[in-house]
């Protein structure tokens, strides 16, 4: 099956945005979790850059900030940022540290005797 993105919250994702977001997720897979969502990634001549951060609550759900470089009516450069939340399908989720630390059989904090 093909990797897909389904928009949960936000205005709109174009097909190019979806392809670029999938590429950013794959690029972030090779980097440590501390830098996820802190750097702008995109194609060199593209007007859009993306910062993607996985949701620590649910694997496969991400929030992204899309920065679009444009010019106003007077020709001055300006950045427009929009935030979207999306879910990936048929893509292995980023290995967020919170996903591995959950042990269903570990004692709960209130069950541990002091």
C-alpha atoms as a PDB file:
ATOM      1  CA  UNK A   1       0.000   0.000   0.000  1.00  0.00           C
ATOM      2  CA  UNK A   2       1.080   3.562  -0.644  1.00  0.00           C
ATOM      3  CA  UNK A   3       2.026   5.922   2.183  1.00  0.00           C
ATOM      4  CA  UNK A   4      -0.760   8.429   2.747  1.00  0.00           C
ATOM      5  CA  UNK A   5      -1.500  11.476   4.853  1.00  0.00           C
ATOM      6  CA  UNK A   6      -4.937  12.292   6.241  1.00  0.00           C
ATOM      7  CA  UNK A   7      -5.495  15.842   7.495  1.00  0.00           C
ATOM      8  CA  UNK A   8      -7.046  16.123  10.970  1.00  0.00           C
ATOM      9  CA  UNK A   9      -6.796  19.835  11.715  1.00  0.00           C
ATOM     10  CA  UNK A  10      -5.702  22.739   9.537  1.00  0.00           C
ATOM     11  CA  UNK A  11      -6.776  24.470   6.376  1.00  0.00           C
ATOM     12  CA  UNK A  12      -5.509  22.462   3.434  1.00  0.00           C
ATOM     13  CA  UNK A  13      -2.651  20.233   2.302  1.00  0.00           C
ATOM     14  CA  UNK A  14      -1.788  20.070  -1.369  1.00  0.00           C
ATOM     15  CA  UNK A  15      -0.452  16.889  -2.938  1.00  0.00           C
ATOM     16  CA  UNK A  16       3.010  18.478  -2.999  1.00  0.00           C
ATOM     17  CA  UNK A  17       2.717  19.290   0.710  1.00  0.00           C
ATOM     18  CA  UNK A  18       1.839  15.677   1.464  1.00  0.00           C
ATOM     19  CA  UNK A  19       4.809  14.357  -0.522  1.00  0.00           C
ATOM     20  CA  UNK A  20       7.148  16.819   1.166  1.00  0.00           C
ATOM     21  CA  UNK A  21       5.815  15.978   4.635  1.00  0.00           C
ATOM     22  CA  UNK A  22       6.431  12.277   3.999  1.00  0.00           C
ATOM     23  CA  UNK A  23       9.970  13.116   2.858  1.00  0.00           C
ATOM     24  CA  UNK A  24      10.562  15.223   5.992  1.00  0.00           C
ATOM     25  CA  UNK A  25       9.377  12.337   8.208  1.00  0.00           C
ATOM     26  CA  UNK A  26      11.802   9.978   6.488  1.00  0.00           C
ATOM     27  CA  UNK A  27      14.612  12.535   6.818  1.00  0.00           C
ATOM     28  CA  UNK A  28      13.880  13.048  10.534  1.00  0.00           C
ATOM     29  CA  UNK A  29      14.033   9.288  11.101  1.00  0.00           C
ATOM     30  CA  UNK A  30      17.857   9.465  10.836  1.00  0.00           C
ATOM     31  CA  UNK A  31      18.195  12.347  13.304  1.00  0.00           C
ATOM     32  CA  UNK A  32      17.938  12.306  17.117  1.00  0.00           C
ATOM     33  CA  UNK A  33      14.557  13.108  18.732  1.00  0.00           C
ATOM     34  CA  UNK A  34      15.914  16.318  20.280  1.00  0.00           C
ATOM     35  CA  UNK A  35      16.009  18.075  16.892  1.00  0.00           C
ATOM     36  CA  UNK A  36      12.597  16.952  15.609  1.00  0.00           C
ATOM     37  CA  UNK A  37      10.429  19.953  14.857  1.00  0.00           C
ATOM     38  CA  UNK A  38      13.209  22.488  15.525  1.00  0.00           C
ATOM     39  CA  UNK A  39      14.553  22.934  11.994  1.00  0.00           C
ATOM     40  CA  UNK A  40      12.969  23.993   8.729  1.00  0.00           C
ATOM     41  CA  UNK A  41      13.238  21.399   5.966  1.00  0.00           C
ATOM     42  CA  UNK A  42      12.234  21.745   2.337  1.00  0.00           C
ATOM     43  CA  UNK A  43      13.467  21.774  -1.214  1.00  0.00           C
ATOM     44  CA  UNK A  44      16.085  24.459  -1.990  1.00  0.00           C
ATOM     45  CA  UNK A  45      14.053  26.557  -4.460  1.00  0.00           C
ATOM     46  CA  UNK A  46      10.655  25.907  -2.928  1.00  0.00           C
ATOM     47  CA  UNK A  47       8.704  28.692  -1.246  1.00  0.00           C
ATOM     48  CA  UNK A  48       7.648  26.316   1.552  1.00  0.00           C
ATOM     49  CA  UNK A  49       9.563  24.844   4.479  1.00  0.00           C
ATOM     50  CA  UNK A  50       8.281  22.295   6.982  1.00  0.00           C
ATOM     51  CA  UNK A  51       8.912  21.554  10.664  1.00  0.00           C
ATOM     52  CA  UNK A  52       7.366  18.221  11.724  1.00  0.00           C
ATOM     53  CA  UNK A  53       6.975  16.970  15.292  1.00  0.00           C
ATOM     54  CA  UNK A  54       5.460  13.590  16.239  1.00  0.00           C
ATOM     55  CA  UNK A  55       2.654  13.495  18.770  1.00  0.00           C
ATOM     56  CA  UNK A  56       3.894  11.812  21.978  1.00  0.00           C
ATOM     57  CA  UNK A  57       0.409  10.467  22.715  1.00  0.00           C
ATOM     58  CA  UNK A  58      -0.336   8.554  19.523  1.00  0.00           C
ATOM     59  CA  UNK A  59       2.125   6.961  17.075  1.00  0.00           C
ATOM     60  CA  UNK A  60       1.566   8.026  13.480  1.00  0.00           C
ATOM     61  CA  UNK A  61       0.041  11.410  14.336  1.00  0.00           C
ATOM     62  CA  UNK A  62       2.115  14.526  13.681  1.00  0.00           C
ATOM     63  CA  UNK A  63       1.872  18.278  13.947  1.00  0.00           C
ATOM     64  CA  UNK A  64       3.626  20.417  11.373  1.00  0.00           C
ATOM     65  CA  UNK A  65       4.252  24.083  10.854  1.00  0.00           C
ATOM     66  CA  UNK A  66       4.402  25.119   7.211  1.00  0.00           C
ATOM     67  CA  UNK A  67       6.313  28.332   6.539  1.00  0.00           C
ATOM     68  CA  UNK A  68       5.618  30.003   3.207  1.00  0.00           C
ATOM     69  CA  UNK A  69       7.980  32.722   1.965  1.00  0.00           C
ATOM     70  CA  UNK A  70       6.137  35.359  -0.027  1.00  0.00           C
ATOM     71  CA  UNK A  71       6.204  39.065  -0.750  1.00  0.00           C
ATOM     72  CA  UNK A  72       3.623  41.677   0.187  1.00  0.00           C
ATOM     73  CA  UNK A  73       2.191  44.370  -2.124  1.00  0.00           C
ATOM     74  CA  UNK A  74       5.296  46.558  -1.699  1.00  0.00           C
ATOM     75  CA  UNK A  75       7.696  43.736  -2.558  1.00  0.00           C
ATOM     76  CA  UNK A  76       8.928  43.233   0.992  1.00  0.00           C
ATOM     77  CA  UNK A  77       9.613  39.627   2.050  1.00  0.00           C
ATOM     78  CA  UNK A  78       7.231  38.113   4.539  1.00  0.00           C
ATOM     79  CA  UNK A  79       6.744  34.672   6.114  1.00  0.00           C
ATOM     80  CA  UNK A  80       3.334  33.135   6.616  1.00  0.00           C
ATOM     81  CA  UNK A  81       3.079  30.182   9.002  1.00  0.00           C
ATOM     82  CA  UNK A  82       0.243  27.687   9.215  1.00  0.00           C
ATOM     83  CA  UNK A  83      -0.133  24.727  11.535  1.00  0.00           C
ATOM     84  CA  UNK A  84      -1.630  21.376  10.565  1.00  0.00           C
ATOM     85  CA  UNK A  85      -2.186  18.100  12.381  1.00  0.00           C
ATOM     86  CA  UNK A  86      -2.211  14.935  10.305  1.00  0.00           C
ATOM     87  CA  UNK A  87      -2.109  11.154  10.523  1.00  0.00           C
ATOM     88  CA  UNK A  88       0.043   8.940   8.344  1.00  0.00           C
ATOM     89  CA  UNK A  89      -1.118   5.616   6.987  1.00  0.00           C
ATOM     90  CA  UNK A  90       1.188   2.821   5.765  1.00  0.00           C
ATOM     91  CA  UNK A  91       4.216   4.653   7.191  1.00  0.00           C
ATOM     92  CA  UNK A  92       6.252   3.397  10.131  1.00  0.00           C
ATOM     93  CA  UNK A  93       5.952   6.065  12.864  1.00  0.00           C
ATOM     94  CA  UNK A  94       8.995   7.909  14.110  1.00  0.00           C
ATOM     95  CA  UNK A  95      10.459   6.113  17.152  1.00  0.00           C
ATOM     96  CA  UNK A  96       9.443   8.677  19.750  1.00  0.00           C
ATOM     97  CA  UNK A  97      11.036   8.002  23.176  1.00  0.00           C
ATOM     98  CA  UNK A  98       7.646   8.093  24.928  1.00  0.00           C
ATOM     99  CA  UNK A  99       6.408   5.134  22.869  1.00  0.00           C
ATOM    100  CA  UNK A 100       9.097   2.753  24.151  1.00  0.00           C
ATOM    101  CA  UNK A 101       8.905   3.725  27.820  1.00  0.00           C
ATOM    102  CA  UNK A 102       5.321   2.640  28.335  1.00  0.00           C
ATOM    103  CA  UNK A 103       5.269  -0.722  30.075  1.00  0.00           C
ATOM    104  CA  UNK A 104       1.772  -2.013  30.719  1.00  0.00           C
ATOM    105  CA  UNK A 105       2.969  -4.383  33.420  1.00  0.00           C
ATOM    106  CA  UNK A 106       5.194  -1.927  35.305  1.00  0.00           C
ATOM    107  CA  UNK A 107       3.901  -0.888  38.737  1.00  0.00           C
ATOM    108  CA  UNK A 108       2.067   2.379  38.802  1.00  0.00           C
ATOM    109  CA  UNK A 109       3.573   5.201  40.886  1.00  0.00           C
ATOM    110  CA  UNK A 110       0.776   4.923  43.465  1.00  0.00           C
ATOM    111  CA  UNK A 111       1.342   1.148  43.786  1.00  0.00           C
ATOM    112  CA  UNK A 112       5.008   1.441  44.788  1.00  0.00           C
ATOM    113  CA  UNK A 113       5.555   1.221  48.533  1.00  0.00           C
ATOM    114  CA  UNK A 114       7.982   3.667  50.024  1.00  0.00           C
END
